[in-house]
Amino acid sequence: MKTNYFQTIIFFAVTLIFASGAAAQDSKQPTASPADVQRPAMRSPNDPHLEMLRNLGLTDEQVQQIKKIHMDQRPLMDQAQKRLREANRSLNDAIYADQVNEADFQARLSEFQIARGEVERTRYLTELSVRRILTQEQLIKFREMRETFEQMRKNQEMRRNDRQLNRQRRGSDPNRSPDAQSNNFRDHHTPVI
């Protein structure tokens, strides 16, 4: 499940970055101010996202189609996300009310699940629309890029877990002496008989 969610995020990030970058180029005036250059849509030539998009090889027509898809879907996504936020607040209110009402909780939980489903539905329909624009070669390249990102995510997660494990082994205070840390380890890991 995490992998599918991560893949969706990558796909959206790629298409949104590309579409926003193309939109910025379309609306770019001949003399850009320093503030314009600082915008996220105006990325440096060495940006890894832009490099990835160049590797995908989208045509100008595909870029325009993706921009249109995102412009058409943006209001639907905004509305779905607003509804999800409201449902989340409502559910939290039911959970933390002075008197818990089981029926009220169940109704608000149901509303939250429906709102969450609508966000996911909108996201996946947008993703499917963009996927239909890709050629077979672009789809193959995208899958390869997605695998690379997934491997990078796994590597980062492993490094994060290793760092946490090392911190746990050292104890909670990184400024303690190694002797104090090893005593702490023995104290917590000595079997009790």
Protein backbone atom coordinates (compact mmCIF):
# COMPACT_ATOMS: atom_id res chain seq x y z
CA MET A 1 0.00 0.00 0.00
CA LYS A 2 2.83 2.39 0.87
CA THR A 3 4.45 1.66 -2.46
CA ASN A 4 1.29 2.50 -4.41
CA TYR A 5 0.86 5.73 -2.47
CA PHE A 6 4.52 6.61 -2.98
CA GLN A 7 4.23 5.88 -6.71
CA THR A 8 1.19 8.11 -6.95
CA ILE A 9 3.01 10.92 -5.20
CA ILE A 10 6.00 10.59 -7.51
CA PHE A 11 3.79 10.59 -10.58
CA PHE A 12 1.94 13.68 -9.43
CA ALA A 13 5.12 15.44 -8.43
CA VAL A 14 6.62 14.78 -11.84
CA THR A 15 3.59 15.90 -13.80
CA LEU A 16 2.86 18.91 -11.59
CA ILE A 17 6.44 20.10 -11.63
CA PHE A 18 6.58 19.71 -15.35
CA ALA A 19 3.23 21.35 -15.94
CA SER A 20 4.02 24.23 -13.56
CA GLY A 21 7.44 24.67 -15.13
CA ALA A 22 5.90 24.78 -18.58
CA ALA A 23 3.25 27.22 -17.40
CA ALA A 24 5.94 29.44 -15.95
CA GLN A 25 7.79 29.36 -19.26
CA ASP A 26 4.58 30.21 -21.15
CA SER A 27 3.90 33.20 -18.93
CA LYS A 28 7.52 34.27 -18.51
CA GLN A 29 8.08 37.86 -19.52
CA PRO A 30 11.24 38.89 -21.38
CA THR A 31 12.69 40.61 -18.32
CA ALA A 32 12.17 38.50 -15.23
CA SER A 33 12.55 40.13 -11.85
CA PRO A 34 14.68 38.50 -9.12
CA ALA A 35 11.46 37.56 -7.32
CA ASP A 36 10.32 35.67 -10.41
CA VAL A 37 13.52 33.66 -10.49
CA GLN A 38 12.94 32.57 -6.88
CA ARG A 39 9.57 30.93 -7.64
CA PRO A 40 9.48 27.14 -7.22
CA ALA A 41 8.20 26.74 -10.79
CA MET A 42 11.38 28.37 -12.08
CA ARG A 43 13.86 25.59 -11.41
CA SER A 44 17.56 25.58 -12.01
CA PRO A 45 18.85 23.63 -15.02
CA ASN A 46 20.51 21.13 -12.65
CA ASP A 47 17.27 20.34 -10.81
CA PRO A 48 16.88 16.52 -10.67
CA HIS A 49 13.13 16.79 -11.30
CA LEU A 50 13.69 18.70 -14.52
CA GLU A 51 16.32 16.20 -15.58
CA MET A 52 13.89 13.38 -14.95
CA LEU A 53 11.22 15.15 -16.98
CA ARG A 54 13.63 15.73 -19.84
CA ASN A 55 14.44 12.02 -19.78
CA LEU A 56 10.75 11.22 -20.05
CA GLY A 57 10.70 13.16 -23.33
CA LEU A 58 7.24 14.71 -23.22
CA THR A 59 6.25 16.64 -26.34
CA ASP A 60 4.91 20.19 -26.20
CA GLU A 61 1.45 18.81 -26.98
CA GLN A 62 1.69 16.34 -24.10
CA VAL A 63 2.76 19.13 -21.76
CA GLN A 64 -0.27 21.17 -22.79
CA GLN A 65 -2.57 18.18 -22.28
CA ILE A 66 -1.14 17.53 -18.81
CA LYS A 67 -1.51 21.19 -17.88
CA LYS A 68 -5.15 21.09 -18.98
CA ILE A 69 -5.82 17.91 -16.99
CA HIS A 70 -4.37 19.46 -13.86
CA MET A 71 -6.17 22.76 -14.37
CA ASP A 72 -9.47 20.89 -14.84
CA GLN A 73 -8.88 18.60 -11.85
CA ARG A 74 -7.50 21.24 -9.45
CA PRO A 75 -10.93 22.60 -8.36
CA LEU A 76 -12.21 19.05 -7.82
CA MET A 77 -9.15 18.15 -5.77
CA ASP A 78 -9.35 21.38 -3.76
CA GLN A 79 -13.00 20.69 -2.98
CA ALA A 80 -12.31 17.06 -2.05
CA GLN A 81 -9.40 18.05 0.21
CA LYS A 82 -11.49 20.76 1.89
CA ARG A 83 -14.21 18.22 2.57
CA LEU A 84 -11.63 15.79 3.98
CA ARG A 85 -10.21 18.46 6.32
CA GLU A 86 -13.70 19.33 7.53
CA ALA A 87 -14.57 15.66 8.03
CA ASN A 88 -11.32 15.14 9.93
CA ARG A 89 -12.08 18.08 12.24
CA SER A 90 -15.61 16.80 12.75
CA LEU A 91 -14.35 13.31 13.58
CA ASN A 92 -11.83 14.70 16.06
CA ASP A 93 -14.60 16.74 17.68
CA ALA A 94 -16.66 13.57 18.10
CA ILE A 95 -13.74 11.64 19.54
CA TYR A 96 -12.74 14.30 22.06
CA ALA A 97 -16.20 15.55 23.03
CA ASP A 98 -17.01 15.70 26.75
CA GLN A 99 -19.53 12.91 26.26
CA VAL A 100 -18.75 10.37 23.54
CA ASN A 101 -21.78 9.54 21.41
CA GLU A 102 -21.18 6.26 19.59
CA ALA A 103 -23.74 6.98 16.84
CA ASP A 104 -22.28 10.45 16.24
CA PHE A 105 -18.78 9.00 16.13
CA GLN A 106 -19.79 6.32 13.61
CA ALA A 107 -21.53 8.90 11.39
CA ARG A 108 -18.50 11.20 11.42
CA LEU A 109 -16.15 8.30 10.79
CA SER A 110 -18.25 7.32 7.78
CA GLU A 111 -18.15 10.92 6.48
CA PHE A 112 -14.37 10.95 6.90
CA GLN A 113 -13.98 7.67 5.00
CA ILE A 114 -16.18 8.92 2.15
CA ALA A 115 -14.23 12.21 1.96
CA ARG A 116 -10.91 10.35 2.01
CA GLY A 117 -12.13 8.06 -0.75
CA GLU A 118 -13.11 11.07 -2.86
CA VAL A 119 -9.61 12.55 -2.53
CA GLU A 120 -8.08 9.24 -3.59
CA ARG A 121 -10.59 8.81 -6.42
CA THR A 122 -9.80 12.30 -7.78
CA ARG A 123 -6.08 11.65 -7.49
CA TYR A 124 -6.23 8.32 -9.30
CA LEU A 125 -8.51 9.61 -12.06
CA THR A 126 -6.06 12.45 -12.67
CA GLU A 127 -3.18 10.00 -12.70
CA LEU A 128 -5.01 7.75 -15.17
CA SER A 129 -5.74 10.72 -17.44
CA VAL A 130 -2.07 11.69 -17.47
CA ARG A 131 -0.99 8.08 -17.98
CA ARG A 132 -3.17 7.88 -21.10
CA ILE A 133 -1.13 10.69 -22.64
CA LEU A 134 2.17 8.82 -22.33
CA THR A 135 3.51 6.79 -25.20
CA GLN A 136 4.62 3.21 -24.59
CA GLU A 137 8.28 4.31 -24.55
CA GLN A 138 7.53 7.09 -22.05
CA LEU A 139 5.62 4.66 -19.87
CA ILE A 140 8.59 2.28 -19.84
CA LYS A 141 10.92 5.16 -18.92
CA PHE A 142 8.53 6.31 -16.22
CA ARG A 143 8.39 2.83 -14.70
CA GLU A 144 12.18 2.74 -14.64
CA MET A 145 12.30 6.15 -12.93
CA ARG A 146 9.66 5.04 -10.46
CA GLU A 147 11.73 1.95 -9.59
CA THR A 148 14.77 4.18 -9.06
CA PHE A 149 12.80 6.45 -6.74
CA GLU A 150 11.42 3.47 -4.84
CA GLN A 151 14.94 2.12 -4.33
CA MET A 152 16.10 5.55 -3.17
CA ARG A 153 13.17 5.68 -0.71
CA LYS A 154 14.05 2.24 0.64
CA ASN A 155 17.70 3.24 1.03
CA GLN A 156 16.73 6.41 2.90
CA GLU A 157 14.42 4.45 5.15
CA MET A 158 17.18 1.93 5.90
CA ARG A 159 19.63 4.74 6.74
CA ARG A 160 17.03 6.40 8.97
CA ASN A 161 16.39 3.10 10.77
CA ASP A 162 20.13 2.53 11.19
CA ARG A 163 20.55 6.02 12.68
CA GLN A 164 17.69 5.39 15.10
CA LEU A 165 19.13 2.05 16.11
CA ASN A 166 22.55 3.61 16.67
CA ARG A 167 20.99 6.35 18.81
CA GLN A 168 19.15 3.74 20.84
CA ARG A 169 22.36 1.78 21.36
CA ARG A 170 24.18 4.91 22.50
CA GLY A 171 21.38 5.91 24.83
CA SER A 172 19.17 8.92 24.72
CA ASP A 173 21.91 11.46 25.55
CA PRO A 174 24.49 11.79 22.75
CA ASN A 175 26.72 13.90 25.06
CA ARG A 176 27.22 11.11 27.59
CA SER A 177 30.59 9.43 27.82
CA PRO A 178 31.01 6.05 26.12
CA ASP A 179 31.44 4.36 29.53
CA ALA A 180 28.16 5.78 30.80
CA GLN A 181 26.45 4.74 27.62
CA SER A 182 27.73 1.17 27.83
CA ASN A 183 26.63 0.97 31.48
CA ASN A 184 23.20 2.17 30.43
CA PHE A 185 23.09 -0.57 27.78
CA ARG A 186 24.08 -3.25 30.33
CA ASP A 187 21.54 -1.96 32.84
CA HIS A 188 18.70 -2.25 30.36
CA HIS A 189 19.77 -5.51 28.76
CA THR A 190 20.84 -7.59 31.74
CA PRO A 191 18.44 -10.50 32.12
CA VAL A 192 16.43 -10.54 35.31
CA ILE A 193 16.40 -13.93 37.04
